N, C-alpha and C. Protein backbone atom coordinates (compact mmCIF):
# COMPACT_ATOMS: atom_id res chain seq x y z
N UNK A 1 78.44 169.86 64.65
CA UNK A 1 79.31 168.54 64.69
C UNK A 1 78.19 167.84 65.58
N UNK A 2 77.49 168.13 66.57
CA UNK A 2 76.70 167.38 67.52
C UNK A 2 75.81 166.82 66.84
N UNK A 3 75.00 167.43 65.90
CA UNK A 3 73.90 166.82 65.11
C UNK A 3 74.26 165.84 64.12
N UNK A 4 75.54 166.08 63.47
CA UNK A 4 76.15 164.88 62.67
C UNK A 4 76.38 163.76 63.30
N UNK A 5 76.92 164.02 64.58
CA UNK A 5 77.47 162.85 65.31
C UNK A 5 76.36 162.06 65.78
N UNK A 6 75.21 162.72 66.14
CA UNK A 6 74.27 161.90 66.49
C UNK A 6 73.49 161.29 65.46
N UNK A 7 73.29 161.73 64.51
CA UNK A 7 72.61 161.49 63.20
C UNK A 7 73.40 159.99 62.72
N UNK A 8 74.76 160.12 62.77
CA UNK A 8 75.68 158.95 62.41
C UNK A 8 75.51 157.91 63.29
N UNK A 9 75.57 157.91 64.47
CA UNK A 9 75.06 157.04 65.38
C UNK A 9 73.75 156.40 65.30
N UNK A 10 72.76 157.31 64.95
CA UNK A 10 71.36 156.83 64.83
C UNK A 10 71.35 156.03 63.71
N UNK A 11 71.98 156.20 62.61
CA UNK A 11 72.24 155.55 61.25
C UNK A 11 72.97 154.00 61.46
N UNK A 12 74.04 154.54 62.20
CA UNK A 12 74.45 152.96 62.70
C UNK A 12 73.59 151.99 63.34
N UNK A 13 73.02 152.62 64.30
CA UNK A 13 72.03 151.73 65.31
C UNK A 13 70.62 151.30 64.39
N UNK A 14 70.17 152.16 63.39
CA UNK A 14 69.16 151.41 62.68
C UNK A 14 69.80 150.38 61.58
N UNK A 15 70.96 150.48 61.13
CA UNK A 15 71.59 149.52 60.12
C UNK A 15 71.78 148.44 60.94
N UNK A 16 72.27 148.39 62.23
CA UNK A 16 72.60 147.41 62.97
C UNK A 16 71.36 146.35 63.21
N UNK A 17 70.46 147.18 63.64
CA UNK A 17 68.94 146.55 64.18
C UNK A 17 68.56 145.63 62.84
N UNK A 18 68.64 146.27 61.32
CA UNK A 18 68.14 145.87 60.44
C UNK A 18 68.95 144.36 60.05
N UNK A 19 70.44 144.77 60.17
CA UNK A 19 71.31 143.64 60.13
C UNK A 19 71.04 142.39 60.91
N UNK A 20 70.40 142.46 62.06
CA UNK A 20 69.95 141.36 63.09
C UNK A 20 68.67 141.03 62.59
N UNK A 21 67.89 141.89 62.02
CA UNK A 21 66.67 141.31 61.72
C UNK A 21 66.95 140.45 60.67
N UNK A 22 67.84 140.63 59.68
CA UNK A 22 67.85 140.11 58.32
C UNK A 22 68.49 138.60 58.74
N UNK A 23 69.46 138.68 59.70
CA UNK A 23 70.29 137.36 59.83
C UNK A 23 69.12 136.46 60.68
N UNK A 24 68.42 137.15 61.38
CA UNK A 24 67.26 136.12 62.27
C UNK A 24 66.25 135.54 61.04
N UNK A 25 66.05 136.47 60.02
CA UNK A 25 65.05 135.96 58.97
C UNK A 25 65.85 134.78 57.97
N UNK A 26 67.19 134.99 57.85
CA UNK A 26 67.77 134.27 57.12
C UNK A 26 68.02 132.67 57.86
N UNK A 27 68.44 132.86 59.30
CA UNK A 27 68.41 131.76 60.28
C UNK A 27 66.88 131.10 60.23
N UNK A 28 65.88 131.57 60.30
CA UNK A 28 64.74 130.76 60.31
C UNK A 28 64.55 130.32 59.00
N UNK A 29 64.78 130.75 57.96
CA UNK A 29 64.69 130.22 56.42
C UNK A 29 65.51 128.98 56.45
N UNK A 30 66.68 129.30 56.86
CA UNK A 30 67.48 128.11 56.84
C UNK A 30 67.17 126.91 57.76
N UNK A 31 66.75 126.99 58.90
CA UNK A 31 66.24 126.12 59.85
C UNK A 31 64.90 125.30 59.16
N UNK A 32 63.95 126.12 58.37
CA UNK A 32 63.06 125.48 57.98
C UNK A 32 63.18 124.86 56.59
N UNK A 33 64.37 125.11 56.02
CA UNK A 33 64.65 124.47 54.67
C UNK A 33 64.48 125.15 53.33
N UNK A 34 63.94 126.23 53.69
CA UNK A 34 63.16 127.06 52.73
C UNK A 34 64.45 128.02 52.01
N UNK A 35 65.80 127.84 52.68
CA UNK A 35 66.88 128.60 52.14
C UNK A 35 68.01 128.11 52.18
N UNK A 36 69.01 128.16 51.35
CA UNK A 36 70.55 127.76 51.80
C UNK A 36 71.31 128.90 51.57
N UNK A 37 71.59 129.37 52.77
CA UNK A 37 72.40 130.95 52.89
C UNK A 37 73.53 130.78 52.13
N UNK A 38 73.74 132.29 51.93
CA UNK A 38 75.11 132.26 51.29
C UNK A 38 75.80 133.57 51.65
N UNK A 39 76.98 133.86 51.53
CA UNK A 39 77.56 134.93 52.32
C UNK A 39 76.97 136.17 51.57
N UNK A 40 76.51 136.15 50.42
CA UNK A 40 75.98 137.36 49.50
C UNK A 40 74.43 137.72 50.35
N UNK A 41 74.13 136.80 51.09
CA UNK A 41 72.69 137.28 51.84
C UNK A 41 72.81 138.27 52.80
N UNK A 42 73.88 138.44 53.55
CA UNK A 42 74.06 139.52 54.41
C UNK A 42 75.17 140.48 54.01
N UNK A 43 75.92 140.38 52.99
CA UNK A 43 77.04 141.01 52.75
C UNK A 43 76.68 142.62 52.58
N UNK A 44 75.63 142.98 51.82
CA UNK A 44 75.56 144.21 51.75
C UNK A 44 74.83 145.05 52.73
N UNK A 45 74.04 144.50 53.45
CA UNK A 45 73.83 145.19 54.78
C UNK A 45 74.95 145.46 55.89
N UNK A 46 75.79 144.19 55.70
CA UNK A 46 76.88 144.10 56.84
C UNK A 46 77.90 145.38 56.34
N UNK A 47 78.04 145.39 55.11
CA UNK A 47 78.88 146.41 54.50
C UNK A 47 78.41 147.95 54.85
N UNK A 48 77.06 148.09 54.60
CA UNK A 48 76.54 149.44 54.74
C UNK A 48 76.83 149.81 56.56
N UNK A 49 76.60 148.52 57.19
CA UNK A 49 76.80 148.90 59.00
C UNK A 49 78.11 149.38 59.09
N UNK A 50 79.02 148.67 58.45
CA UNK A 50 80.39 149.01 58.65
C UNK A 50 80.75 150.44 58.30
N UNK A 51 80.54 150.78 56.95
CA UNK A 51 80.76 152.04 56.64
C UNK A 51 80.09 153.09 57.76
N UNK A 52 78.82 152.87 58.23
CA UNK A 52 78.05 153.68 59.13
C UNK A 52 78.88 153.73 60.15
N UNK A 53 79.45 152.74 60.86
CA UNK A 53 80.03 152.75 62.17
C UNK A 53 81.41 153.55 62.01
N UNK A 54 82.35 153.29 60.72
CA UNK A 54 83.29 154.04 60.49
C UNK A 54 83.12 155.61 60.43
N UNK A 55 81.79 155.94 59.74
CA UNK A 55 81.66 157.57 59.91
C UNK A 55 81.23 158.04 61.23
N UNK A 56 80.85 157.13 61.95
CA UNK A 56 80.28 157.69 63.34
C UNK A 56 81.56 157.84 64.19
N UNK A 57 82.48 156.78 64.08
CA UNK A 57 83.97 156.85 64.65
C UNK A 57 84.78 158.04 64.16
N UNK A 58 84.57 158.08 62.93
CA UNK A 58 85.33 159.45 62.13
C UNK A 58 85.07 160.66 62.81
N UNK A 59 83.56 160.88 62.92
CA UNK A 59 82.94 162.06 63.58
C UNK A 59 83.29 162.26 64.82
N UNK A 60 83.11 161.29 65.68
CA UNK A 60 83.62 161.27 67.02
C UNK A 60 85.24 161.41 67.18
N UNK A 61 86.23 161.23 66.31
CA UNK A 61 87.53 161.46 66.42
C UNK A 61 87.63 162.90 66.07
N UNK A 62 87.05 163.40 65.10
CA UNK A 62 87.30 164.72 64.63
C UNK A 62 86.59 165.80 65.91
N UNK A 63 85.61 165.24 66.48
CA UNK A 63 85.27 166.34 67.55
C UNK A 63 86.18 166.20 68.52
N UNK A 64 86.80 165.32 68.63
CA UNK A 64 88.06 165.40 69.96
C UNK A 64 89.14 166.27 69.64
N UNK A 65 89.48 166.05 68.10
CA UNK A 65 90.68 166.72 67.52
C UNK A 65 90.22 168.41 67.41
N UNK A 66 89.03 168.79 67.02
CA UNK A 66 88.79 169.95 66.81
C UNK A 66 87.97 170.67 67.76
N UNK A 67 88.38 170.41 69.20
CA UNK A 67 87.11 170.90 70.47
C UNK A 67 87.23 172.47 70.23
N UNK A 68 86.05 172.90 70.45
CA UNK A 68 85.87 174.18 70.46
C UNK A 68 86.59 174.99 71.82
N UNK A 69 87.42 176.03 71.22
CA UNK A 69 88.22 176.69 72.31
C UNK A 69 87.71 178.00 72.07
N UNK A 70 87.65 178.71 73.39
CA UNK A 70 87.28 180.32 73.71
C UNK A 70 88.48 180.75 73.72
N UNK A 71 88.60 182.01 73.15
CA UNK A 71 89.90 182.81 73.55
C UNK A 71 89.43 183.50 74.85
N UNK A 72 90.01 183.44 75.67
CA UNK A 72 89.82 183.79 77.16
C UNK A 72 90.87 184.99 77.54
N UNK A 73 90.33 186.17 77.96
CA UNK A 73 91.36 187.14 78.17
C UNK A 73 91.06 187.44 79.43
N UNK A 74 92.34 187.51 80.37
CA UNK A 74 92.11 188.24 81.65
C UNK A 74 91.99 189.61 81.98
N UNK A 75 91.35 190.08 82.89
CA UNK A 75 91.11 191.65 82.91
C UNK A 75 92.30 192.54 82.71
N UNK A 76 93.16 191.90 83.22
CA UNK A 76 94.64 192.68 83.05
C UNK A 76 95.08 193.13 81.66
N UNK A 77 94.91 191.84 81.10
CA UNK A 77 95.38 191.88 79.64
C UNK A 77 94.31 192.87 78.81
N UNK A 78 93.00 192.83 79.10
CA UNK A 78 92.40 193.84 78.60
C UNK A 78 92.61 195.05 78.52
N UNK A 79 92.60 195.40 80.07
CA UNK A 79 92.92 196.69 80.19
C UNK A 79 94.61 197.19 79.54
N UNK A 80 95.44 196.16 79.35
CA UNK A 80 96.68 196.82 78.67
C UNK A 80 96.41 197.10 77.22
N UNK A 81 95.58 196.09 76.69
CA UNK A 81 95.41 196.31 75.18
C UNK A 81 94.41 197.32 74.96
N UNK A 82 93.32 197.72 75.66
CA UNK A 82 92.65 199.02 75.65
C UNK A 82 93.24 200.11 75.72
N UNK A 83 94.22 200.33 76.69
CA UNK A 83 95.26 201.38 76.90
C UNK A 83 96.40 201.39 75.59
N UNK A 84 96.61 200.54 75.38
CA UNK A 84 97.53 200.57 73.96
C UNK A 84 96.86 201.12 72.96
N UNK A 85 95.62 200.61 72.63
CA UNK A 85 94.92 201.05 71.72
C UNK A 85 94.51 202.67 71.70
N UNK A 86 94.08 202.95 72.97
CA UNK A 86 93.86 204.25 73.07
C UNK A 86 94.98 205.47 73.01
N UNK A 87 96.12 204.90 73.36
CA UNK A 87 97.24 205.39 73.04
C UNK A 87 97.62 205.84 71.48
N UNK A 88 97.63 204.84 70.78
CA UNK A 88 97.63 204.87 69.35
C UNK A 88 96.67 205.84 68.94
N UNK A 89 95.56 205.76 69.11
CA UNK A 89 94.40 206.60 68.48
C UNK A 89 94.25 208.08 69.05
N UNK A 90 95.15 208.41 69.93
CA UNK A 90 95.16 209.65 70.25
C UNK A 90 95.79 210.18 71.43
C-alpha cells in the first residue's frame, strides 16, 4: 500500500507540474497574440490531474481504514492456550 500511495502522489505532482507548464505556455501565447485560449486548451490535463488527486486521496483514506494490526498475545494467555492444547492432545 505504501508504494501505491507514493506512486499516486508522485503522478499527481507530475501532472500538477505539467498543468502549470501548459497554463504558462498558453498564457505566454495569449499575451503575444498567437493564441486565443479556450477552456479546451487545459481541460484534458486538468481532468487527469483531478483524477490523479482523487486516486491519491482514496489510497490515503484506505490506508487509514485498513491499518495493519498485529495480533498481540500476553504471556498469560499464551500459557493458558498452550496448556489447553496439551490437555487435549494427551
